C-alpha atoms as a PDB file:
ATOM      1  CA  MET A   1     -18.041 -37.784   0.162  1.00  0.00           C
ATOM      2  CA  ILE A   2     -15.117 -36.275  -2.034  1.00  0.00           C
ATOM      3  CA  LEU A   3     -17.504 -33.743  -4.098  1.00  0.00           C
ATOM      4  CA  GLN A   4     -18.580 -32.351  -0.694  1.00  0.00           C
ATOM      5  CA  GLN A   5     -15.219 -31.251   0.043  1.00  0.00           C
ATOM      6  CA  PHE A   6     -15.287 -28.942  -2.864  1.00  0.00           C
ATOM      7  CA  SER A   7     -18.913 -27.479  -1.516  1.00  0.00           C
ATOM      8  CA  LEU A   8     -18.349 -23.555  -0.596  1.00  0.00           C
ATOM      9  CA  THR A   9     -21.694 -23.272   0.966  1.00  0.00           C
ATOM     10  CA  GLY A  10     -21.477 -20.754   3.827  1.00  0.00           C
ATOM     11  CA  LYS A  11     -18.240 -19.364   2.983  1.00  0.00           C
ATOM     12  CA  LEU A  12     -17.832 -15.310   2.231  1.00  0.00           C
ATOM     13  CA  ALA A  13     -15.851 -15.072  -0.618  1.00  0.00           C
ATOM     14  CA  TRP A  14     -14.066 -11.837  -1.579  1.00  0.00           C
ATOM     15  CA  ILE A  15     -12.744 -11.491  -5.005  1.00  0.00           C
ATOM     16  CA  THR A  16     -11.110  -8.136  -5.499  1.00  0.00           C
ATOM     17  CA  GLY A  17     -11.574  -6.270  -9.209  1.00  0.00           C
ATOM     18  CA  GLY A  18     -13.933  -9.005  -9.514  1.00  0.00           C
ATOM     19  CA  THR A  19     -16.459  -6.597 -11.618  1.00  0.00           C
ATOM     20  CA  HIS A  20     -15.405  -7.889 -15.207  1.00  0.00           C
ATOM     21  CA  GLY A  21     -13.090 -10.771 -17.241  1.00  0.00           C
ATOM     22  CA  LEU A  22     -11.526 -13.125 -15.563  1.00  0.00           C
ATOM     23  CA  GLY A  23     -12.502 -11.779 -11.697  1.00  0.00           C
ATOM     24  CA  MET A  24     -16.017 -11.977 -12.843  1.00  0.00           C
ATOM     25  CA  ALA A  25     -15.682 -15.610 -14.244  1.00  0.00           C
ATOM     26  CA  MET A  26     -13.942 -17.098 -10.907  1.00  0.00           C
ATOM     27  CA  ALA A  27     -16.132 -14.868  -8.767  1.00  0.00           C
ATOM     28  CA  LYS A  28     -19.143 -16.264 -10.505  1.00  0.00           C
ATOM     29  CA  ALA A  29     -17.599 -20.187 -10.171  1.00  0.00           C
ATOM     30  CA  LEU A  30     -17.205 -19.168  -6.394  1.00  0.00           C
ATOM     31  CA  ALA A  31     -20.748 -18.076  -6.030  1.00  0.00           C
ATOM     32  CA  GLN A  32     -22.158 -21.471  -8.303  1.00  0.00           C
ATOM     33  CA  ALA A  33     -20.236 -23.557  -5.512  1.00  0.00           C
ATOM     34  CA  GLY A  34     -22.281 -22.167  -2.852  1.00  0.00           C
ATOM     35  CA  ALA A  35     -20.434 -18.833  -1.572  1.00  0.00           C
ATOM     36  CA  THR A  36     -21.498 -15.267  -0.789  1.00  0.00           C
ATOM     37  CA  ILE A  37     -19.563 -13.123  -2.856  1.00  0.00           C
ATOM     38  CA  ILE A  38     -17.835  -9.754  -2.107  1.00  0.00           C
ATOM     39  CA  VAL A  39     -16.674  -7.706  -4.448  1.00  0.00           C
ATOM     40  CA  ASN A  40     -14.920  -4.139  -5.317  1.00  0.00           C
ATOM     41  CA  GLY A  41     -14.821  -1.464  -7.891  1.00  0.00           C
ATOM     42  CA  ASN A  42     -12.600   1.785  -7.992  1.00  0.00           C
ATOM     43  CA  SER A  43     -12.964   2.781 -11.673  1.00  0.00           C
ATOM     44  CA  SER A  44     -16.902   3.939 -11.316  1.00  0.00           C
ATOM     45  CA  ARG A  45     -19.871   3.006  -9.288  1.00  0.00           C
ATOM     46  CA  GLU A  46     -21.949   2.449 -12.546  1.00  0.00           C
ATOM     47  CA  LYS A  47     -19.011  -0.212 -13.397  1.00  0.00           C
ATOM     48  CA  LEU A  48     -19.808  -1.559 -10.226  1.00  0.00           C
ATOM     49  CA  ASP A  49     -23.481  -1.565 -10.213  1.00  0.00           C
ATOM     50  CA  GLN A  50     -23.720  -3.111 -13.633  1.00  0.00           C
ATOM     51  CA  ALA A  51     -21.776  -6.190 -12.276  1.00  0.00           C
ATOM     52  CA  ILE A  52     -23.563  -6.472  -9.375  1.00  0.00           C
ATOM     53  CA  GLN A  53     -26.843  -6.587 -11.685  1.00  0.00           C
ATOM     54  CA  GLU A  54     -25.469  -9.400 -13.743  1.00  0.00           C
ATOM     55  CA  TYR A  55     -24.336 -11.241 -10.668  1.00  0.00           C
ATOM     56  CA  GLN A  56     -28.188 -10.979  -9.450  1.00  0.00           C
ATOM     57  CA  ALA A  57     -29.811 -11.796 -12.944  1.00  0.00           C
ATOM     58  CA  GLU A  58     -27.636 -15.341 -12.444  1.00  0.00           C
ATOM     59  CA  GLY A  59     -29.458 -15.669  -8.699  1.00  0.00           C
ATOM     60  CA  LEU A  60     -25.597 -15.451  -6.813  1.00  0.00           C
ATOM     61  CA  THR A  61     -25.762 -13.784  -3.666  1.00  0.00           C
ATOM     62  CA  VAL A  62     -23.544 -11.013  -4.027  1.00  0.00           C
ATOM     63  CA  HIS A  63     -21.864  -7.905  -2.024  1.00  0.00           C
ATOM     64  CA  GLY A  64     -20.231  -4.702  -3.875  1.00  0.00           C
ATOM     65  CA  PHE A  65     -18.475  -1.885  -2.807  1.00  0.00           C
ATOM     66  CA  MET A  66     -16.203   0.751  -3.761  1.00  0.00           C
ATOM     67  CA  CYS A  67     -12.517   0.214  -2.648  1.00  0.00           C
ATOM     68  CA  ASP A  68      -8.815   1.725  -4.106  1.00  0.00           C
ATOM     69  CA  VAL A  69      -7.055  -1.816  -2.429  1.00  0.00           C
ATOM     70  CA  THR A  70      -3.426   0.564  -2.764  1.00  0.00           C
ATOM     71  CA  ASN A  71      -5.619   2.211  -0.250  1.00  0.00           C
ATOM     72  CA  GLN A  72      -4.298   0.766   3.372  1.00  0.00           C
ATOM     73  CA  GLN A  73      -6.912   2.677   5.400  1.00  0.00           C
ATOM     74  CA  GLN A  74      -9.665   2.101   2.653  1.00  0.00           C
ATOM     75  CA  VAL A  75      -9.364  -1.776   2.766  1.00  0.00           C
ATOM     76  CA  ARG A  76      -8.861  -1.446   6.813  1.00  0.00           C
ATOM     77  CA  GLU A  77     -12.078   0.619   6.861  1.00  0.00           C
ATOM     78  CA  LEU A  78     -14.087  -1.976   4.157  1.00  0.00           C
ATOM     79  CA  VAL A  79     -12.770  -5.041   5.897  1.00  0.00           C
ATOM     80  CA  ALA A  80     -13.776  -3.899   9.571  1.00  0.00           C
ATOM     81  CA  HIS A  81     -17.473  -3.162   7.797  1.00  0.00           C
ATOM     82  CA  ILE A  82     -17.473  -6.289   5.920  1.00  0.00           C
ATOM     83  CA  GLU A  83     -16.730  -8.254   8.995  1.00  0.00           C
ATOM     84  CA  LYS A  84     -19.579  -6.409  11.259  1.00  0.00           C
ATOM     85  CA  GLU A  85     -22.347  -5.885   8.889  1.00  0.00           C
ATOM     86  CA  ILE A  86     -21.879  -9.531   6.897  1.00  0.00           C
ATOM     87  CA  GLY A  87     -19.467 -11.866   8.162  1.00  0.00           C
ATOM     88  CA  PHE A  88     -15.593 -13.017   8.610  1.00  0.00           C
ATOM     89  CA  ILE A  89     -13.813 -13.628   4.874  1.00  0.00           C
ATOM     90  CA  ASP A  90     -13.246 -17.510   4.398  1.00  0.00           C
ATOM     91  CA  ILE A  91     -11.946 -16.899   1.077  1.00  0.00           C
ATOM     92  CA  LEU A  92      -9.787 -14.161  -0.532  1.00  0.00           C
ATOM     93  CA  VAL A  93      -8.878 -13.898  -4.308  1.00  0.00           C
ATOM     94  CA  ASN A  94      -6.297 -11.176  -5.404  1.00  0.00           C
ATOM     95  CA  ASN A  95      -7.399 -10.572  -8.764  1.00  0.00           C
ATOM     96  CA  ALA A  96      -7.385  -6.592  -9.321  1.00  0.00           C
ATOM     97  CA  GLY A  97      -4.466  -5.661 -11.577  1.00  0.00           C
ATOM     98  CA  ILE A  98      -2.996  -3.753 -14.545  1.00  0.00           C
ATOM     99  CA  ILE A  99      -0.637  -3.406 -16.838  1.00  0.00           C
ATOM    100  CA  LYS A 100       1.364  -0.634 -19.277  1.00  0.00           C
ATOM    101  CA  ARG A 101       2.650  -1.463 -22.520  1.00  0.00           C
ATOM    102  CA  ILE A 102       5.117   0.347 -22.199  1.00  0.00           C
ATOM    103  CA  PRO A 103       9.508  -0.304 -23.141  1.00  0.00           C
ATOM    104  CA  LEU A 104      11.624  -0.159 -19.586  1.00  0.00           C
ATOM    105  CA  VAL A 105      14.390   2.665 -21.068  1.00  0.00           C
ATOM    106  CA  GLU A 106      11.012   4.619 -22.197  1.00  0.00           C
ATOM    107  CA  MET A 107       9.236   4.069 -18.445  1.00  0.00           C
ATOM    108  CA  ASP A 108       7.744   6.842 -16.349  1.00  0.00           C
ATOM    109  CA  LEU A 109       8.460   5.839 -12.877  1.00  0.00           C
ATOM    110  CA  ILE A 110       4.907   6.974 -12.015  1.00  0.00           C
ATOM    111  CA  ASP A 111       4.098   4.103 -14.748  1.00  0.00           C
ATOM    112  CA  TRP A 112       6.399   1.243 -12.961  1.00  0.00           C
ATOM    113  CA  GLN A 113       4.898   2.072  -9.432  1.00  0.00           C
ATOM    114  CA  GLN A 114       1.456   1.914 -10.230  1.00  0.00           C
ATOM    115  CA  VAL A 115       1.718  -1.215 -12.036  1.00  0.00           C
ATOM    116  CA  ILE A 116       3.897  -1.839  -8.551  1.00  0.00           C
ATOM    117  CA  ASP A 117       1.248  -0.863  -6.497  1.00  0.00           C
ATOM    118  CA  VAL A 118      -1.412  -2.542  -7.910  1.00  0.00           C
ATOM    119  CA  ASP A 119      -0.418  -6.105  -8.838  1.00  0.00           C
ATOM    120  CA  LEU A 120       1.866  -6.368  -5.718  1.00  0.00           C
ATOM    121  CA  THR A 121       1.630  -3.943  -3.198  1.00  0.00           C
ATOM    122  CA  ALA A 122      -2.607  -4.318  -2.910  1.00  0.00           C
ATOM    123  CA  PRO A 123      -2.435  -7.895  -2.510  1.00  0.00           C
ATOM    124  CA  PHE A 124       0.070  -7.317   0.169  1.00  0.00           C
ATOM    125  CA  ILE A 125      -1.963  -4.884   1.771  1.00  0.00           C
ATOM    126  CA  VAL A 126      -5.614  -6.784   1.535  1.00  0.00           C
ATOM    127  CA  SER A 127      -3.833  -9.896   2.843  1.00  0.00           C
ATOM    128  CA  GLN A 128      -2.270  -8.647   5.351  1.00  0.00           C
ATOM    129  CA  THR A 129      -5.594  -7.031   6.637  1.00  0.00           C
ATOM    130  CA  VAL A 130      -7.819  -9.705   6.166  1.00  0.00           C
ATOM    131  CA  VAL A 131      -5.532 -12.334   7.539  1.00  0.00           C
ATOM    132  CA  LYS A 132      -5.633 -11.472  10.755  1.00  0.00           C
ATOM    133  CA  SER A 133      -9.417 -12.827  11.426  1.00  0.00           C
ATOM    134  CA  MET A 134      -8.260 -15.712   9.789  1.00  0.00           C
ATOM    135  CA  ILE A 135      -5.601 -16.321  12.022  1.00  0.00           C
ATOM    136  CA  GLU A 136      -7.840 -15.568  15.019  1.00  0.00           C
ATOM    137  CA  ARG A 137     -10.357 -18.353  13.452  1.00  0.00           C
ATOM    138  CA  GLN A 138      -7.437 -20.659  12.375  1.00  0.00           C
ATOM    139  CA  GLN A 139      -8.228 -21.199   8.696  1.00  0.00           C
ATOM    140  CA  GLY A 140      -8.625 -19.380   6.078  1.00  0.00           C
ATOM    141  CA  LYS A 141      -7.654 -19.080   1.918  1.00  0.00           C
ATOM    142  CA  ILE A 142      -5.823 -16.758  -0.012  1.00  0.00           C
ATOM    143  CA  ILE A 143      -5.972 -17.296  -3.976  1.00  0.00           C
ATOM    144  CA  ASN A 144      -3.067 -14.601  -5.529  1.00  0.00           C
ATOM    145  CA  ILE A 145      -3.960 -14.023  -9.354  1.00  0.00           C
ATOM    146  CA  CYS A 146      -0.416 -14.333 -10.596  1.00  0.00           C
ATOM    147  CA  SER A 147       0.427 -14.791 -14.393  1.00  0.00           C
ATOM    148  CA  MET A 148       2.840 -16.362 -17.287  1.00  0.00           C
ATOM    149  CA  MET A 149       4.725 -13.211 -16.685  1.00  0.00           C
ATOM    150  CA  SER A 150       5.193 -14.841 -12.871  1.00  0.00           C
ATOM    151  CA  GLU A 151       7.596 -17.084 -15.083  1.00  0.00           C
ATOM    152  CA  LEU A 152       8.450 -15.621 -18.892  1.00  0.00           C
ATOM    153  CA  GLY A 153       9.629 -12.541 -19.917  1.00  0.00           C
ATOM    154  CA  ARG A 154       8.119 -10.722 -22.647  1.00  0.00           C
ATOM    155  CA  GLN A 155       8.275  -7.591 -24.585  1.00  0.00           C
ATOM    156  CA  ASN A 156       7.163  -3.952 -23.412  1.00  0.00           C
ATOM    157  CA  VAL A 157       5.956  -5.742 -20.212  1.00  0.00           C
ATOM    158  CA  GLY A 158       8.643  -5.244 -17.508  1.00  0.00           C
ATOM    159  CA  ALA A 159       6.751  -3.480 -14.621  1.00  0.00           C
ATOM    160  CA  TYR A 160       3.777  -6.435 -15.041  1.00  0.00           C
ATOM    161  CA  ALA A 161       6.895  -9.123 -15.351  1.00  0.00           C
ATOM    162  CA  ALA A 162       8.384  -7.580 -12.091  1.00  0.00           C
ATOM    163  CA  ALA A 163       5.119  -7.196 -10.158  1.00  0.00           C
ATOM    164  CA  LYS A 164       3.885 -11.108 -11.127  1.00  0.00           C
ATOM    165  CA  GLY A 165       7.081 -12.353 -10.480  1.00  0.00           C
ATOM    166  CA  GLY A 166       7.270 -10.775  -7.307  1.00  0.00           C
ATOM    167  CA  LEU A 167       3.571 -11.948  -6.507  1.00  0.00           C
ATOM    168  CA  LYS A 168       4.610 -15.283  -6.857  1.00  0.00           C
ATOM    169  CA  MET A 169       7.244 -15.418  -4.383  1.00  0.00           C
ATOM    170  CA  LEU A 170       5.090 -13.421  -1.857  1.00  0.00           C
ATOM    171  CA  THR A 171       2.686 -15.855  -2.298  1.00  0.00           C
ATOM    172  CA  ARG A 172       5.255 -18.425  -1.388  1.00  0.00           C
ATOM    173  CA  ASN A 173       6.197 -16.603   2.077  1.00  0.00           C
ATOM    174  CA  MET A 174       2.446 -15.776   3.010  1.00  0.00           C
ATOM    175  CA  ALA A 175       2.310 -19.757   3.037  1.00  0.00           C
ATOM    176  CA  THR A 176       5.429 -20.282   4.774  1.00  0.00           C
ATOM    177  CA  GLU A 177       4.316 -17.810   7.638  1.00  0.00           C
ATOM    178  CA  TRP A 178       0.981 -18.615   7.664  1.00  0.00           C
ATOM    179  CA  ALA A 179       0.570 -22.347   7.175  1.00  0.00           C
ATOM    180  CA  ARG A 180       0.438 -22.915  10.567  1.00  0.00           C
ATOM    181  CA  TYR A 181      -2.486 -21.344  11.322  1.00  0.00           C
ATOM    182  CA  ASN A 182      -4.464 -23.754   8.762  1.00  0.00           C
ATOM    183  CA  ILE A 183      -4.364 -20.922   5.961  1.00  0.00           C
ATOM    184  CA  GLN A 184      -3.579 -22.095   2.639  1.00  0.00           C
ATOM    185  CA  VAL A 185      -2.242 -19.422   0.301  1.00  0.00           C
ATOM    186  CA  ASN A 186      -1.215 -20.365  -3.557  1.00  0.00           C
ATOM    187  CA  GLY A 187      -1.235 -18.641  -6.521  1.00  0.00           C
ATOM    188  CA  LEU A 188      -3.485 -19.045 -10.032  1.00  0.00           C
ATOM    189  CA  GLY A 189      -2.214 -18.516 -13.200  1.00  0.00           C
ATOM    190  CA  PRO A 190      -4.103 -17.769 -16.280  1.00  0.00           C
ATOM    191  CA  GLY A 191      -2.463 -18.448 -19.587  1.00  0.00           C
ATOM    192  CA  TYR A 192      -4.676 -16.705 -22.777  1.00  0.00           C
ATOM    193  CA  PHE A 193      -7.615 -16.395 -22.643  1.00  0.00           C
ATOM    194  CA  ALA A 194     -10.681 -15.332 -24.533  1.00  0.00           C
ATOM    195  CA  THR A 195     -12.105 -12.215 -22.932  1.00  0.00           C
ATOM    196  CA  SER A 196     -13.642  -8.869 -24.398  1.00  0.00           C
ATOM    197  CA  GLN A 197     -10.299  -7.732 -23.925  1.00  0.00           C
ATOM    198  CA  THR A 198      -8.656  -9.927 -26.054  1.00  0.00           C
ATOM    199  CA  ALA A 199     -11.677  -9.616 -28.814  1.00  0.00           C
ATOM    200  CA  PRO A 200      -9.294  -7.382 -31.087  1.00  0.00           C
ATOM    201  CA  LEU A 201      -6.880  -9.621 -31.034  1.00  0.00           C
ATOM    202  CA  ARG A 202      -8.361 -12.740 -31.651  1.00  0.00           C
ATOM    203  CA  VAL A 203      -8.706 -12.540 -35.370  1.00  0.00           C
ATOM    204  CA  ALA A 204      -7.311 -14.957 -37.956  1.00  0.00           C
ATOM    205  CA  GLY A 205      -4.115 -13.335 -39.542  1.00  0.00           C
ATOM    206  CA  ASN A 206      -3.557 -11.587 -36.138  1.00  0.00           C
ATOM    207  CA  ALA A 207       0.245 -12.221 -35.502  1.00  0.00           C
ATOM    208  CA  PHE A 208       0.010 -12.409 -30.982  1.00  0.00           C
ATOM    209  CA  HIS A 209      -3.921 -14.292 -31.943  1.00  0.00           C
ATOM    210  CA  GLU A 210      -1.137 -16.950 -34.684  1.00  0.00           C
ATOM    211  CA  PHE A 211       1.216 -16.753 -32.092  1.00  0.00           C
ATOM    212  CA  ILE A 212      -0.879 -17.926 -29.076  1.00  0.00           C
ATOM    213  CA  VAL A 213      -2.331 -20.399 -30.930  1.00  0.00           C
ATOM    214  CA  ASN A 214       0.848 -21.926 -31.802  1.00  0.00           C
ATOM    215  CA  ARG A 215       2.332 -21.577 -28.534  1.00  0.00           C
ATOM    216  CA  THR A 216      -0.195 -23.512 -26.885  1.00  0.00           C
ATOM    217  CA  PRO A 217      -0.327 -26.910 -26.650  1.00  0.00           C
ATOM    218  CA  ALA A 218      -4.162 -26.857 -26.817  1.00  0.00           C
ATOM    219  CA  GLY A 219      -3.887 -24.858 -30.618  1.00  0.00           C
ATOM    220  CA  LYS A 220      -6.876 -22.207 -28.892  1.00  0.00           C
ATOM    221  CA  TRP A 221      -7.879 -19.450 -26.206  1.00  0.00           C
ATOM    222  CA  GLY A 222      -9.087 -20.417 -22.679  1.00  0.00           C
ATOM    223  CA  GLU A 223     -12.695 -19.872 -21.845  1.00  0.00           C
ATOM    224  CA  PRO A 224     -12.952 -17.962 -18.869  1.00  0.00           C
ATOM    225  CA  ASP A 225     -15.083 -20.698 -17.599  1.00  0.00           C
ATOM    226  CA  GLU A 226     -12.185 -22.670 -17.673  1.00  0.00           C
ATOM    227  CA  LEU A 227     -10.964 -21.057 -14.576  1.00  0.00           C
ATOM    228  CA  GLY A 228     -14.114 -22.103 -12.759  1.00  0.00           C
ATOM    229  CA  GLY A 229     -12.736 -25.204 -11.642  1.00  0.00           C
ATOM    230  CA  ALA A 230      -9.117 -24.501 -10.310  1.00  0.00           C
ATOM    231  CA  VAL A 231     -10.829 -21.397  -8.470  1.00  0.00           C
ATOM    232  CA  VAL A 232     -13.349 -23.505  -6.731  1.00  0.00           C
ATOM    233  CA  PHE A 233     -10.205 -26.233  -6.042  1.00  0.00           C
ATOM    234  CA  LEU A 234      -7.848 -23.795  -4.165  1.00  0.00           C
ATOM    235  CA  ALA A 235     -10.871 -22.536  -2.464  1.00  0.00           C
ATOM    236  CA  SER A 236     -12.537 -25.362  -0.942  1.00  0.00           C
ATOM    237  CA  ALA A 237     -11.179 -27.895   1.481  1.00  0.00           C
ATOM    238  CA  ALA A 238      -9.698 -30.183  -0.983  1.00  0.00           C
ATOM    239  CA  SER A 239      -6.948 -28.459  -1.108  1.00  0.00           C
ATOM    240  CA  ASN A 240      -6.518 -28.189   2.574  1.00  0.00           C
ATOM    241  CA  PHE A 241      -2.441 -29.400   2.128  1.00  0.00           C
ATOM    242  CA  VAL A 242      -1.871 -27.556  -0.940  1.00  0.00           C
ATOM    243  CA  ASN A 243      -0.110 -24.547  -0.237  1.00  0.00           C
ATOM    244  CA  GLY A 244       2.759 -22.261  -1.501  1.00  0.00           C
ATOM    245  CA  GLN A 245       1.865 -23.590  -4.918  1.00  0.00           C
ATOM    246  CA  ILE A 246       1.159 -21.792  -8.072  1.00  0.00           C
ATOM    247  CA  LEU A 247      -1.511 -23.460 -10.228  1.00  0.00           C
ATOM    248  CA  TYR A 248      -0.949 -22.755 -14.170  1.00  0.00           C
ATOM    249  CA  VAL A 249      -4.055 -23.068 -16.463  1.00  0.00           C
ATOM    250  CA  ASP A 250      -2.516 -22.209 -19.691  1.00  0.00           C
ATOM    251  CA  GLY A 251      -3.237 -25.271 -22.152  1.00  0.00           C
ATOM    252  CA  GLY A 252      -0.143 -26.249 -21.739  1.00  0.00           C
ATOM    253  CA  LEU A 253       2.054 -23.299 -22.387  1.00  0.00           C
ATOM    254  CA  LEU A 254       4.981 -23.496 -19.951  1.00  0.00           C
ATOM    255  CA  ALA A 255       5.275 -27.000 -20.562  1.00  0.00           C
ATOM    256  CA  THR A 256       6.704 -26.147 -23.848  1.00  0.00           C
ATOM    257  CA  ILE A 257       8.395 -24.067 -26.308  1.00  0.00           C
ATOM    258  CA  GLY A 258       6.382 -24.082 -28.926  1.00  0.00           C
ATOM    259  CA  LYS A 259       6.105 -25.998 -32.717  1.00  0.00           C
ATOM    260  CA  PRO A 260       6.551 -24.197 -35.933  1.00  0.00           C
ATOM    261  CA  SER A 261       3.490 -22.835 -37.445  1.00  0.00           C
ATOM    262  CA  GLY A 262       2.008 -25.302 -39.891  1.00  0.00           C
ATOM    263  CA  GLU A 263       3.592 -28.347 -37.992  1.00  0.00           C
END
């Protein structure tokens, strides 16, 4: 019986920015658990089409759309189209995000605003749009992708940390307002994962690689598929009384101040 609570068969899940990296890993996990998935892109149609082909090659049911999640009108039009042509969204994963590594004292306002728009305002826009049908149906799951920077500061990522810290509190306030409608809103905070984007860093002798290995009790970078269980849990009936929480999948990083090299 308990395993049935993790099944997503018959569910429709939208993963924003699910065309690559950890977004794609989470989307695949949801699809493997039975969900029909929707992914959107904004950078290029070619990249979106390549992602769709990858999902389909694994036998997963996917729909893909171009959409700028910072544009309220585009989001409203896409959600209306999805609800008319595909069905109501049961699971929303606010994954789309960007980072700009610029010292705060040097950061132009336009760069600051872009990070805040994508990483914090977009989850508000998309969630506000999607949740209306969830409220009518008295059910839904919203998962906001937070970060280590929801809890910690780091050099040169001030805008990103501000956005992800804000997203943590937005998650809790969404849960506060929407739990009464049987809607669960939680956050998922990935640690440091082995993706194509981090490949140049994950080499012996690289200072950041050595820092992560020593800072993380597990002593390694996470593998993308190690996010799958957490996102399926938060998207499924197994988490029906979990609300307003941030689940960090970080190999224990936040639990410790780390260890000296060679300890």
